Amino acid sequence: MGLGEAQGVRWALIVSSLFGLIAFVLFWLARKTIREDMVS
């Protein structure tokens, strides 16, 4: 694409977004046990 030095920023944003998405999915999957742990 010819972004030059901005290419690193682009990849940093992509990678950090993927980590955020993975964290969201893991918290979503754990929502039931988190709710049970808070009650007990």
PDB file of N, CA and C in Angstrom:
ATOM      1  N   MET A   1       0.820  -1.213   0.000  1.00  0.00           N
ATOM      2  CA  MET A   1       0.000   0.000   0.000  1.00  0.00           C
ATOM      3  C   MET A   1       0.850   1.258   0.000  1.00  0.00           C
ATOM      4  N   GLY A   2       2.105   1.132   0.339  1.00  0.00           N
ATOM      5  CA  GLY A   2       2.973   2.284   0.294  1.00  0.00           C
ATOM      6  C   GLY A   2       2.756   3.264   1.431  1.00  0.00           C
ATOM      7  N   LEU A   3       2.461   2.753   2.619  1.00  0.00           N
ATOM      8  CA  LEU A   3       2.240   3.639   3.753  1.00  0.00           C
ATOM      9  C   LEU A   3       3.542   4.046   4.429  1.00  0.00           C
ATOM     10  N   GLY A   4       4.632   3.409   4.055  1.00  0.00           N
ATOM     11  CA  GLY A   4       5.920   3.764   4.624  1.00  0.00           C
ATOM     12  C   GLY A   4       5.993   3.450   6.107  1.00  0.00           C
ATOM     13  N   GLU A   5       6.365   4.448   6.909  1.00  0.00           N
ATOM     14  CA  GLU A   5       6.525   4.246   8.350  1.00  0.00           C
ATOM     15  C   GLU A   5       5.198   4.012   9.061  1.00  0.00           C
ATOM     16  N   ALA A   6       4.103   4.404   8.446  1.00  0.00           N
ATOM     17  CA  ALA A   6       2.796   4.205   9.067  1.00  0.00           C
ATOM     18  C   ALA A   6       2.376   2.740   9.043  1.00  0.00           C
ATOM     19  N   GLN A   7       3.092   1.913   8.290  1.00  0.00           N
ATOM     20  CA  GLN A   7       2.767   0.486   8.222  1.00  0.00           C
ATOM     21  C   GLN A   7       2.854  -0.160   9.609  1.00  0.00           C
ATOM     22  N   GLY A   8       3.831   0.228  10.411  1.00  0.00           N
ATOM     23  CA  GLY A   8       3.960  -0.326  11.758  1.00  0.00           C
ATOM     24  C   GLY A   8       2.786   0.054  12.641  1.00  0.00           C
ATOM     25  N   VAL A   9       2.312   1.287  12.507  1.00  0.00           N
ATOM     26  CA  VAL A   9       1.147   1.725  13.286  1.00  0.00           C
ATOM     27  C   VAL A   9      -0.076   0.932  12.867  1.00  0.00           C
ATOM     28  N   ARG A  10      -0.197   0.697  11.583  1.00  0.00           N
ATOM     29  CA  ARG A  10      -1.335  -0.079  11.066  1.00  0.00           C
ATOM     30  C   ARG A  10      -1.360  -1.471  11.685  1.00  0.00           C
ATOM     31  N   TRP A  11      -0.199  -2.144  11.703  1.00  0.00           N
ATOM     32  CA  TRP A  11      -0.145  -3.494  12.254  1.00  0.00           C
ATOM     33  C   TRP A  11      -0.346  -3.488  13.759  1.00  0.00           C
ATOM     34  N   ALA A  12       0.132  -2.459  14.430  1.00  0.00           N
ATOM     35  CA  ALA A  12      -0.079  -2.359  15.873  1.00  0.00           C
ATOM     36  C   ALA A  12      -1.563  -2.240  16.189  1.00  0.00           C
ATOM     37  N   LEU A  13      -2.280  -1.464  15.410  1.00  0.00           N
ATOM     38  CA  LEU A  13      -3.728  -1.328  15.623  1.00  0.00           C
ATOM     39  C   LEU A  13      -4.464  -2.626  15.325  1.00  0.00           C
ATOM     40  N   ILE A  14      -4.053  -3.313  14.284  1.00  0.00           N
ATOM     41  CA  ILE A  14      -4.693  -4.589  13.939  1.00  0.00           C
ATOM     42  C   ILE A  14      -4.478  -5.609  15.050  1.00  0.00           C
ATOM     43  N   VAL A  15      -3.231  -5.722  15.522  1.00  0.00           N
ATOM     44  CA  VAL A  15      -2.916  -6.711  16.559  1.00  0.00           C
ATOM     45  C   VAL A  15      -3.624  -6.383  17.861  1.00  0.00           C
ATOM     46  N   SER A  16      -3.627  -5.106  18.247  1.00  0.00           N
ATOM     47  CA  SER A  16      -4.297  -4.739  19.502  1.00  0.00           C
ATOM     48  C   SER A  16      -5.805  -4.947  19.398  1.00  0.00           C
ATOM     49  N   SER A  17      -6.373  -4.729  18.235  1.00  0.00           N
ATOM     50  CA  SER A  17      -7.802  -4.989  18.044  1.00  0.00           C
ATOM     51  C   SER A  17      -8.100  -6.483  18.166  1.00  0.00           C
ATOM     52  N   LEU A  18      -7.225  -7.300  17.625  1.00  0.00           N
ATOM     53  CA  LEU A  18      -7.425  -8.748  17.732  1.00  0.00           C
ATOM     54  C   LEU A  18      -7.343  -9.210  19.191  1.00  0.00           C
ATOM     55  N   PHE A  19      -6.380  -8.658  19.950  1.00  0.00           N
ATOM     56  CA  PHE A  19      -6.297  -9.008  21.369  1.00  0.00           C
ATOM     57  C   PHE A  19      -7.567  -8.583  22.105  1.00  0.00           C
ATOM     58  N   GLY A  20      -8.094  -7.423  21.775  1.00  0.00           N
ATOM     59  CA  GLY A  20      -9.340  -6.966  22.397  1.00  0.00           C
ATOM     60  C   GLY A  20     -10.502  -7.876  22.051  1.00  0.00           C
ATOM     61  N   LEU A  21     -10.555  -8.316  20.809  1.00  0.00           N
ATOM     62  CA  LEU A  21     -11.622  -9.215  20.382  1.00  0.00           C
ATOM     63  C   LEU A  21     -11.517 -10.561  21.087  1.00  0.00           C
ATOM     64  N   ILE A  22     -10.302 -11.070  21.216  1.00  0.00           N
ATOM     65  CA  ILE A  22     -10.100 -12.341  21.920  1.00  0.00           C
ATOM     66  C   ILE A  22     -10.515 -12.200  23.384  1.00  0.00           C
ATOM     67  N   ALA A  23     -10.144 -11.094  24.021  1.00  0.00           N
ATOM     68  CA  ALA A  23     -10.521 -10.869  25.418  1.00  0.00           C
ATOM     69  C   ALA A  23     -12.033 -10.795  25.552  1.00  0.00           C
ATOM     70  N   PHE A  24     -12.709 -10.116  24.607  1.00  0.00           N
ATOM     71  CA  PHE A  24     -14.166 -10.033  24.646  1.00  0.00           C
ATOM     72  C   PHE A  24     -14.797 -11.417  24.568  1.00  0.00           C
ATOM     73  N   VAL A  25     -14.312 -12.241  23.656  1.00  0.00           N
ATOM     74  CA  VAL A  25     -14.872 -13.588  23.493  1.00  0.00           C
ATOM     75  C   VAL A  25     -14.663 -14.412  24.754  1.00  0.00           C
ATOM     76  N   LEU A  26     -13.479 -14.325  25.354  1.00  0.00           N
ATOM     77  CA  LEU A  26     -13.217 -15.103  26.566  1.00  0.00           C
ATOM     78  C   LEU A  26     -14.086 -14.647  27.733  1.00  0.00           C
ATOM     79  N   PHE A  27     -14.255 -13.329  27.897  1.00  0.00           N
ATOM     80  CA  PHE A  27     -15.139 -12.837  28.958  1.00  0.00           C
ATOM     81  C   PHE A  27     -16.584 -13.237  28.692  1.00  0.00           C
ATOM     82  N   TRP A  28     -16.998 -13.233  27.419  1.00  0.00           N
ATOM     83  CA  TRP A  28     -18.355 -13.612  27.079  1.00  0.00           C
ATOM     84  C   TRP A  28     -18.595 -15.084  27.395  1.00  0.00           C
ATOM     85  N   LEU A  29     -17.590 -15.907  27.123  1.00  0.00           N
ATOM     86  CA  LEU A  29     -17.724 -17.333  27.429  1.00  0.00           C
ATOM     87  C   LEU A  29     -17.714 -17.593  28.933  1.00  0.00           C
ATOM     88  N   ALA A  30     -17.045 -16.751  29.701  1.00  0.00           N
ATOM     89  CA  ALA A  30     -16.912 -16.959  31.145  1.00  0.00           C
ATOM     90  C   ALA A  30     -18.006 -16.265  31.945  1.00  0.00           C
ATOM     91  N   ARG A  31     -18.953 -15.615  31.275  1.00  0.00           N
ATOM     92  CA  ARG A  31     -19.946 -14.795  31.995  1.00  0.00           C
ATOM     93  C   ARG A  31     -20.763 -15.598  32.994  1.00  0.00           C
ATOM     94  N   LYS A  32     -21.079 -16.841  32.678  1.00  0.00           N
ATOM     95  CA  LYS A  32     -21.895 -17.646  33.584  1.00  0.00           C
ATOM     96  C   LYS A  32     -21.138 -17.973  34.869  1.00  0.00           C
ATOM     97  N   THR A  33     -19.889 -18.407  34.735  1.00  0.00           N
ATOM     98  CA  THR A  33     -19.132 -18.774  35.926  1.00  0.00           C
ATOM     99  C   THR A  33     -18.767 -17.537  36.744  1.00  0.00           C
ATOM    100  N   ILE A  34     -18.549 -16.399  36.086  1.00  0.00           N
ATOM    101  CA  ILE A  34     -18.258 -15.179  36.837  1.00  0.00           C
ATOM    102  C   ILE A  34     -19.474 -14.783  37.679  1.00  0.00           C
ATOM    103  N   ARG A  35     -20.656 -14.873  37.101  1.00  0.00           N
ATOM    104  CA  ARG A  35     -21.877 -14.556  37.829  1.00  0.00           C
ATOM    105  C   ARG A  35     -22.053 -15.495  39.015  1.00  0.00           C
ATOM    106  N   GLU A  36     -21.802 -16.788  38.823  1.00  0.00           N
ATOM    107  CA  GLU A  36     -21.925 -17.766  39.914  1.00  0.00           C
ATOM    108  C   GLU A  36     -20.893 -17.509  40.999  1.00  0.00           C
ATOM    109  N   ASP A  37     -19.669 -17.129  40.635  1.00  0.00           N
ATOM    110  CA  ASP A  37     -18.624 -16.866  41.611  1.00  0.00           C
ATOM    111  C   ASP A  37     -18.958 -15.623  42.439  1.00  0.00           C
ATOM    112  N   MET A  38     -19.576 -14.627  41.858  1.00  0.00           N
ATOM    113  CA  MET A  38     -19.905 -13.413  42.575  1.00  0.00           C
ATOM    114  C   MET A  38     -21.033 -13.662  43.590  1.00  0.00           C
ATOM    115  N   VAL A  39     -21.939 -14.583  43.286  1.00  0.00           N
ATOM    116  CA  VAL A  39     -23.075 -14.864  44.178  1.00  0.00           C
ATOM    117  C   VAL A  39     -22.593 -15.675  45.376  1.00  0.00           C
ATOM    118  N   SER A  40     -21.716 -16.628  45.129  1.00  0.00           N
ATOM    119  CA  SER A  40     -21.275 -17.513  46.229  1.00  0.00           C
ATOM    120  C   SER A  40     -20.147 -16.926  47.060  1.00  0.00           C
TER     121      SER A  40
END
